[in-house]
């Protein structure tokens, strides 16, 4: 092989390697949940004070997040990404996006009453459904969906924090788990997940 041909082959190899590396680091960090046992029935109260169950969302893809309204940073950031990612998907695929219901479920029922949840979700997306409930109902829901949550005391007992598993879930119209995005994902990742799985 001539020196010139060798440099061409090396150049093409480097370009391919760079391209694959770019794809690896820019692809949304989606995790596939197909076949997992996550999810199930829940009976909670929405931001309008009305009782809701998982059956109320039958036929809808569920874009789910568990957090709390007093969260100083992680929850509003993640929910903001969910809202923007869904809004971008609504612009690109309005008919498909209409089949996606974004949902926020509190892990802090002691402070997150109906009014607090309503104020929180209304700041992000007009279709975002906020849910709260009794401590027992919230515990049952978060355990069914694999969500860890633990109260963390501060110097002010009324202003405690809640350490919790921050993940964005996508469940299908039949309630089956499809995929998730870990904390640190962006609005573009949310849009990409919806583009990948919503049909």
C-alpha atoms as a PDB file:
ATOM      1  CA  UNK A   1       0.000   0.000   0.000  1.00  0.00           C
ATOM      2  CA  UNK A   2       1.365   3.416  -0.935  1.00  0.00           C
ATOM      3  CA  UNK A   3       2.054   6.053   1.692  1.00  0.00           C
ATOM      4  CA  UNK A   4      -0.767   8.194   0.273  1.00  0.00           C
ATOM      5  CA  UNK A   5      -3.274   5.306   0.457  1.00  0.00           C
ATOM      6  CA  UNK A   6      -2.183   4.561   4.006  1.00  0.00           C
ATOM      7  CA  UNK A   7      -2.864   8.160   5.076  1.00  0.00           C
ATOM      8  CA  UNK A   8      -6.299   8.055   3.410  1.00  0.00           C
ATOM      9  CA  UNK A   9      -7.203   4.829   5.235  1.00  0.00           C
ATOM     10  CA  UNK A  10      -5.960   6.255   8.538  1.00  0.00           C
ATOM     11  CA  UNK A  11      -7.930   9.456   7.946  1.00  0.00           C
ATOM     12  CA  UNK A  12     -11.157   7.570   7.234  1.00  0.00           C
ATOM     13  CA  UNK A  13     -10.605   5.376  10.312  1.00  0.00           C
ATOM     14  CA  UNK A  14     -10.135   8.444  12.509  1.00  0.00           C
ATOM     15  CA  UNK A  15     -13.271  10.088  11.109  1.00  0.00           C
ATOM     16  CA  UNK A  16     -15.306   6.944  11.785  1.00  0.00           C
ATOM     17  CA  UNK A  17     -13.935   6.701  15.317  1.00  0.00           C
ATOM     18  CA  UNK A  18     -14.743  10.344  15.998  1.00  0.00           C
ATOM     19  CA  UNK A  19     -18.230   9.920  14.559  1.00  0.00           C
ATOM     20  CA  UNK A  20     -18.959   6.878  16.703  1.00  0.00           C
ATOM     21  CA  UNK A  21     -17.606   8.681  19.762  1.00  0.00           C
ATOM     22  CA  UNK A  22     -19.806  11.690  19.052  1.00  0.00           C
ATOM     23  CA  UNK A  23     -22.849   9.443  18.720  1.00  0.00           C
ATOM     24  CA  UNK A  24     -21.974   7.689  21.976  1.00  0.00           C
ATOM     25  CA  UNK A  25     -21.704  10.890  23.967  1.00  0.00           C
ATOM     26  CA  UNK A  26     -24.605  12.771  22.392  1.00  0.00           C
ATOM     27  CA  UNK A  27     -27.187   9.985  22.296  1.00  0.00           C
ATOM     28  CA  UNK A  28     -29.801  10.336  25.038  1.00  0.00           C
ATOM     29  CA  UNK A  29     -28.993   8.105  28.019  1.00  0.00           C
ATOM     30  CA  UNK A  30     -32.171   6.088  27.648  1.00  0.00           C
ATOM     31  CA  UNK A  31     -32.654   2.918  29.629  1.00  0.00           C
ATOM     32  CA  UNK A  32     -35.034   0.243  28.418  1.00  0.00           C
ATOM     33  CA  UNK A  33     -37.566  -0.962  30.998  1.00  0.00           C
ATOM     34  CA  UNK A  34     -39.447  -3.446  28.823  1.00  0.00           C
ATOM     35  CA  UNK A  35     -40.271  -6.551  30.819  1.00  0.00           C
ATOM     36  CA  UNK A  36     -39.544  -5.015  34.224  1.00  0.00           C
ATOM     37  CA  UNK A  37     -42.019  -5.253  37.088  1.00  0.00           C
ATOM     38  CA  UNK A  38     -42.172  -1.505  37.726  1.00  0.00           C
ATOM     39  CA  UNK A  39     -45.523   0.217  37.864  1.00  0.00           C
ATOM     40  CA  UNK A  40     -48.985  -0.752  38.891  1.00  0.00           C
ATOM     41  CA  UNK A  41     -52.135   0.572  40.470  1.00  0.00           C
ATOM     42  CA  UNK A  42     -52.334   3.802  42.433  1.00  0.00           C
ATOM     43  CA  UNK A  43     -55.138   5.838  43.983  1.00  0.00           C
ATOM     44  CA  UNK A  44     -54.236   9.487  44.554  1.00  0.00           C
ATOM     45  CA  UNK A  45     -55.649  13.019  44.370  1.00  0.00           C
ATOM     46  CA  UNK A  46     -54.900  15.418  41.522  1.00  0.00           C
ATOM     47  CA  UNK A  47     -54.137  19.131  41.653  1.00  0.00           C
ATOM     48  CA  UNK A  48     -57.843  19.933  41.403  1.00  0.00           C
ATOM     49  CA  UNK A  49     -58.695  17.844  44.448  1.00  0.00           C
ATOM     50  CA  UNK A  50     -60.247  15.026  42.410  1.00  0.00           C
ATOM     51  CA  UNK A  51     -59.472  11.351  43.033  1.00  0.00           C
ATOM     52  CA  UNK A  52     -57.438   9.710  40.273  1.00  0.00           C
ATOM     53  CA  UNK A  53     -56.211   6.180  39.688  1.00  0.00           C
ATOM     54  CA  UNK A  54     -53.917   4.596  37.141  1.00  0.00           C
ATOM     55  CA  UNK A  55     -57.018   3.534  35.206  1.00  0.00           C
ATOM     56  CA  UNK A  56     -57.806   7.188  34.444  1.00  0.00           C
ATOM     57  CA  UNK A  57     -54.731   7.235  32.196  1.00  0.00           C
ATOM     58  CA  UNK A  58     -55.498   4.066  30.232  1.00  0.00           C
ATOM     59  CA  UNK A  59     -54.683   4.565  26.555  1.00  0.00           C
ATOM     60  CA  UNK A  60     -52.144   7.299  27.327  1.00  0.00           C
ATOM     61  CA  UNK A  61     -48.376   7.204  27.431  1.00  0.00           C
ATOM     62  CA  UNK A  62     -47.343   8.361  30.906  1.00  0.00           C
ATOM     63  CA  UNK A  63     -44.304  10.588  31.304  1.00  0.00           C
ATOM     64  CA  UNK A  64     -43.807  10.260  35.070  1.00  0.00           C
ATOM     65  CA  UNK A  65     -41.675  12.006  37.672  1.00  0.00           C
ATOM     66  CA  UNK A  66     -41.651  11.616  41.450  1.00  0.00           C
ATOM     67  CA  UNK A  67     -40.455  14.641  43.418  1.00  0.00           C
ATOM     68  CA  UNK A  68     -41.655  17.339  45.791  1.00  0.00           C
ATOM     69  CA  UNK A  69     -42.664  20.964  45.466  1.00  0.00           C
ATOM     70  CA  UNK A  70     -40.342  22.266  48.218  1.00  0.00           C
ATOM     71  CA  UNK A  71     -37.328  20.799  46.380  1.00  0.00           C
ATOM     72  CA  UNK A  72     -34.762  23.595  45.989  1.00  0.00           C
ATOM     73  CA  UNK A  73     -33.171  22.543  42.714  1.00  0.00           C
ATOM     74  CA  UNK A  74     -33.365  19.003  41.297  1.00  0.00           C
ATOM     75  CA  UNK A  75     -37.149  18.676  40.967  1.00  0.00           C
ATOM     76  CA  UNK A  76     -37.899  22.010  39.293  1.00  0.00           C
ATOM     77  CA  UNK A  77     -34.958  21.473  36.959  1.00  0.00           C
ATOM     78  CA  UNK A  78     -36.049  17.978  35.941  1.00  0.00           C
ATOM     79  CA  UNK A  79     -39.724  18.909  35.621  1.00  0.00           C
ATOM     80  CA  UNK A  80     -38.714  21.928  33.550  1.00  0.00           C
ATOM     81  CA  UNK A  81     -36.852  19.611  31.171  1.00  0.00           C
ATOM     82  CA  UNK A  82     -39.887  17.335  30.974  1.00  0.00           C
ATOM     83  CA  UNK A  83     -42.114  20.301  30.134  1.00  0.00           C
ATOM     84  CA  UNK A  84     -39.777  21.695  27.480  1.00  0.00           C
ATOM     85  CA  UNK A  85     -39.055  18.290  25.987  1.00  0.00           C
ATOM     86  CA  UNK A  86     -42.750  17.530  25.694  1.00  0.00           C
ATOM     87  CA  UNK A  87     -43.488  21.002  24.280  1.00  0.00           C
ATOM     88  CA  UNK A  88     -40.896  20.455  21.551  1.00  0.00           C
ATOM     89  CA  UNK A  89     -42.390  17.057  20.793  1.00  0.00           C
ATOM     90  CA  UNK A  90     -45.871  18.630  20.629  1.00  0.00           C
ATOM     91  CA  UNK A  91     -44.626  21.031  17.963  1.00  0.00           C
ATOM     92  CA  UNK A  92     -43.016  18.274  15.915  1.00  0.00           C
ATOM     93  CA  UNK A  93     -45.607  15.519  16.405  1.00  0.00           C
ATOM     94  CA  UNK A  94     -48.851  17.032  17.716  1.00  0.00           C
ATOM     95  CA  UNK A  95     -51.004  13.939  17.162  1.00  0.00           C
ATOM     96  CA  UNK A  96     -48.586  11.609  18.907  1.00  0.00           C
ATOM     97  CA  UNK A  97     -47.890  14.100  21.693  1.00  0.00           C
ATOM     98  CA  UNK A  98     -51.612  14.290  22.455  1.00  0.00           C
ATOM     99  CA  UNK A  99     -51.291  10.666  23.619  1.00  0.00           C
ATOM    100  CA  UNK A 100     -48.668  11.604  26.232  1.00  0.00           C
ATOM    101  CA  UNK A 101     -49.735  12.666  29.723  1.00  0.00           C
ATOM    102  CA  UNK A 102     -46.995  14.255  31.840  1.00  0.00           C
ATOM    103  CA  UNK A 103     -47.365  13.380  35.537  1.00  0.00           C
ATOM    104  CA  UNK A 104     -45.788  14.660  38.752  1.00  0.00           C
ATOM    105  CA  UNK A 105     -46.298  12.608  41.928  1.00  0.00           C
ATOM    106  CA  UNK A 106     -45.115  13.990  45.244  1.00  0.00           C
ATOM    107  CA  UNK A 107     -42.904  12.044  47.629  1.00  0.00           C
ATOM    108  CA  UNK A 108     -43.665  14.596  50.375  1.00  0.00           C
ATOM    109  CA  UNK A 109     -47.380  14.298  51.157  1.00  0.00           C
ATOM    110  CA  UNK A 110     -46.959  15.968  54.550  1.00  0.00           C
ATOM    111  CA  UNK A 111     -46.314  19.360  52.937  1.00  0.00           C
ATOM    112  CA  UNK A 112     -47.540  18.858  49.386  1.00  0.00           C
ATOM    113  CA  UNK A 113     -51.251  19.402  49.684  1.00  0.00           C
ATOM    114  CA  UNK A 114     -53.521  19.957  46.680  1.00  0.00           C
ATOM    115  CA  UNK A 115     -52.873  23.715  46.572  1.00  0.00           C
ATOM    116  CA  UNK A 116     -49.085  23.309  46.680  1.00  0.00           C
ATOM    117  CA  UNK A 117     -49.128  20.712  43.934  1.00  0.00           C
ATOM    118  CA  UNK A 118     -51.406  22.842  41.767  1.00  0.00           C
ATOM    119  CA  UNK A 119     -49.172  25.898  42.106  1.00  0.00           C
ATOM    120  CA  UNK A 120     -46.130  23.796  41.236  1.00  0.00           C
ATOM    121  CA  UNK A 121     -47.419  22.006  38.136  1.00  0.00           C
ATOM    122  CA  UNK A 122     -49.115  25.094  36.707  1.00  0.00           C
ATOM    123  CA  UNK A 123     -45.684  26.733  36.416  1.00  0.00           C
ATOM    124  CA  UNK A 124     -44.429  24.138  33.934  1.00  0.00           C
ATOM    125  CA  UNK A 125     -46.894  22.702  31.417  1.00  0.00           C
ATOM    126  CA  UNK A 126     -50.663  23.141  30.930  1.00  0.00           C
ATOM    127  CA  UNK A 127     -51.233  19.380  30.742  1.00  0.00           C
ATOM    128  CA  UNK A 128     -48.964  18.378  33.632  1.00  0.00           C
ATOM    129  CA  UNK A 129     -51.019  16.341  36.120  1.00  0.00           C
ATOM    130  CA  UNK A 130     -49.911  16.770  39.718  1.00  0.00           C
ATOM    131  CA  UNK A 131     -50.789  14.181  42.336  1.00  0.00           C
ATOM    132  CA  UNK A 132     -50.685  13.895  46.099  1.00  0.00           C
ATOM    133  CA  UNK A 133     -52.435  11.733  48.658  1.00  0.00           C
ATOM    134  CA  UNK A 134     -52.178  10.249  52.108  1.00  0.00           C
ATOM    135  CA  UNK A 135     -48.730   9.107  53.268  1.00  0.00           C
ATOM    136  CA  UNK A 136     -49.885   5.501  52.886  1.00  0.00           C
ATOM    137  CA  UNK A 137     -51.140   6.068  49.324  1.00  0.00           C
ATOM    138  CA  UNK A 138     -47.944   7.891  48.328  1.00  0.00           C
ATOM    139  CA  UNK A 139     -45.767   5.180  49.876  1.00  0.00           C
ATOM    140  CA  UNK A 140     -47.666   2.504  47.963  1.00  0.00           C
ATOM    141  CA  UNK A 141     -47.285   4.408  44.682  1.00  0.00           C
ATOM    142  CA  UNK A 142     -43.597   5.152  45.020  1.00  0.00           C
ATOM    143  CA  UNK A 143     -42.790   1.578  46.067  1.00  0.00           C
ATOM    144  CA  UNK A 144     -44.692   0.214  43.073  1.00  0.00           C
ATOM    145  CA  UNK A 145     -42.611   2.463  40.816  1.00  0.00           C
ATOM    146  CA  UNK A 146     -39.289   1.761  42.517  1.00  0.00           C
ATOM    147  CA  UNK A 147     -38.834   5.225  43.988  1.00  0.00           C
ATOM    148  CA  UNK A 148     -36.643   5.629  47.065  1.00  0.00           C
ATOM    149  CA  UNK A 149     -37.439   8.656  49.262  1.00  0.00           C
ATOM    150  CA  UNK A 150     -36.223   9.636  52.738  1.00  0.00           C
ATOM    151  CA  UNK A 151     -36.742  12.769  54.813  1.00  0.00           C
ATOM    152  CA  UNK A 152     -33.524  14.641  55.630  1.00  0.00           C
ATOM    153  CA  UNK A 153     -33.579  16.932  58.674  1.00  0.00           C
ATOM    154  CA  UNK A 154     -32.216  20.469  58.565  1.00  0.00           C
ATOM    155  CA  UNK A 155     -31.687  23.069  61.281  1.00  0.00           C
ATOM    156  CA  UNK A 156     -35.308  24.105  60.710  1.00  0.00           C
ATOM    157  CA  UNK A 157     -37.651  21.136  61.267  1.00  0.00           C
ATOM    158  CA  UNK A 158     -40.331  22.672  59.040  1.00  0.00           C
ATOM    159  CA  UNK A 159     -37.916  23.026  56.135  1.00  0.00           C
ATOM    160  CA  UNK A 160     -36.630  19.482  55.866  1.00  0.00           C
ATOM    161  CA  UNK A 161     -35.413  18.089  52.556  1.00  0.00           C
ATOM    162  CA  UNK A 162     -36.336  14.808  50.896  1.00  0.00           C
ATOM    163  CA  UNK A 163     -33.611  12.662  49.401  1.00  0.00           C
ATOM    164  CA  UNK A 164     -35.203  10.746  46.536  1.00  0.00           C
ATOM    165  CA  UNK A 165     -34.564   8.806  43.357  1.00  0.00           C
ATOM    166  CA  UNK A 166     -34.793  11.314  40.490  1.00  0.00           C
ATOM    167  CA  UNK A 167     -35.732   9.576  37.252  1.00  0.00           C
ATOM    168  CA  UNK A 168     -38.015  10.311  34.303  1.00  0.00           C
ATOM    169  CA  UNK A 169     -40.176   7.318  33.423  1.00  0.00           C
ATOM    170  CA  UNK A 170     -42.118   6.525  30.275  1.00  0.00           C
ATOM    171  CA  UNK A 171     -44.965   4.018  30.608  1.00  0.00           C
ATOM    172  CA  UNK A 172     -47.127   2.809  27.769  1.00  0.00           C
ATOM    173  CA  UNK A 173     -50.862   3.120  27.086  1.00  0.00           C
ATOM    174  CA  UNK A 174     -51.372  -0.242  28.794  1.00  0.00           C
ATOM    175  CA  UNK A 175     -49.424   0.865  31.874  1.00  0.00           C
ATOM    176  CA  UNK A 176     -46.377  -1.244  31.030  1.00  0.00           C
ATOM    177  CA  UNK A 177     -42.911   0.254  31.640  1.00  0.00           C
ATOM    178  CA  UNK A 178     -41.050   1.303  28.489  1.00  0.00           C
ATOM    179  CA  UNK A 179     -37.991   3.424  29.245  1.00  0.00           C
ATOM    180  CA  UNK A 180     -36.379   5.881  31.626  1.00  0.00           C
ATOM    181  CA  UNK A 181     -33.996   8.823  31.658  1.00  0.00           C
ATOM    182  CA  UNK A 182     -31.676   9.316  34.642  1.00  0.00           C
ATOM    183  CA  UNK A 183     -31.110  12.555  36.510  1.00  0.00           C
ATOM    184  CA  UNK A 184     -28.958  14.854  34.426  1.00  0.00           C
ATOM    185  CA  UNK A 185     -30.911  14.261  31.228  1.00  0.00           C
ATOM    186  CA  UNK A 186     -32.008  17.290  29.230  1.00  0.00           C
ATOM    187  CA  UNK A 187     -35.134  18.498  27.456  1.00  0.00           C
ATOM    188  CA  UNK A 188     -33.636  17.206  24.198  1.00  0.00           C
ATOM    189  CA  UNK A 189     -33.279  13.766  25.807  1.00  0.00           C
ATOM    190  CA  UNK A 190     -36.959  13.822  26.780  1.00  0.00           C
ATOM    191  CA  UNK A 191     -37.944  14.735  23.208  1.00  0.00           C
ATOM    192  CA  UNK A 192     -35.708  11.967  21.844  1.00  0.00           C
ATOM    193  CA  UNK A 193     -37.214   9.382  24.195  1.00  0.00           C
ATOM    194  CA  UNK A 194     -40.724  10.335  23.087  1.00  0.00           C
ATOM    195  CA  UNK A 195     -39.663  10.267  19.443  1.00  0.00           C
ATOM    196  CA  UNK A 196     -38.219   6.796  19.951  1.00  0.00           C
ATOM    197  CA  UNK A 197     -41.127   5.134  21.723  1.00  0.00           C
ATOM    198  CA  UNK A 198     -44.410   6.989  21.232  1.00  0.00           C
ATOM    199  CA  UNK A 199     -46.416   5.698  18.288  1.00  0.00           C
END
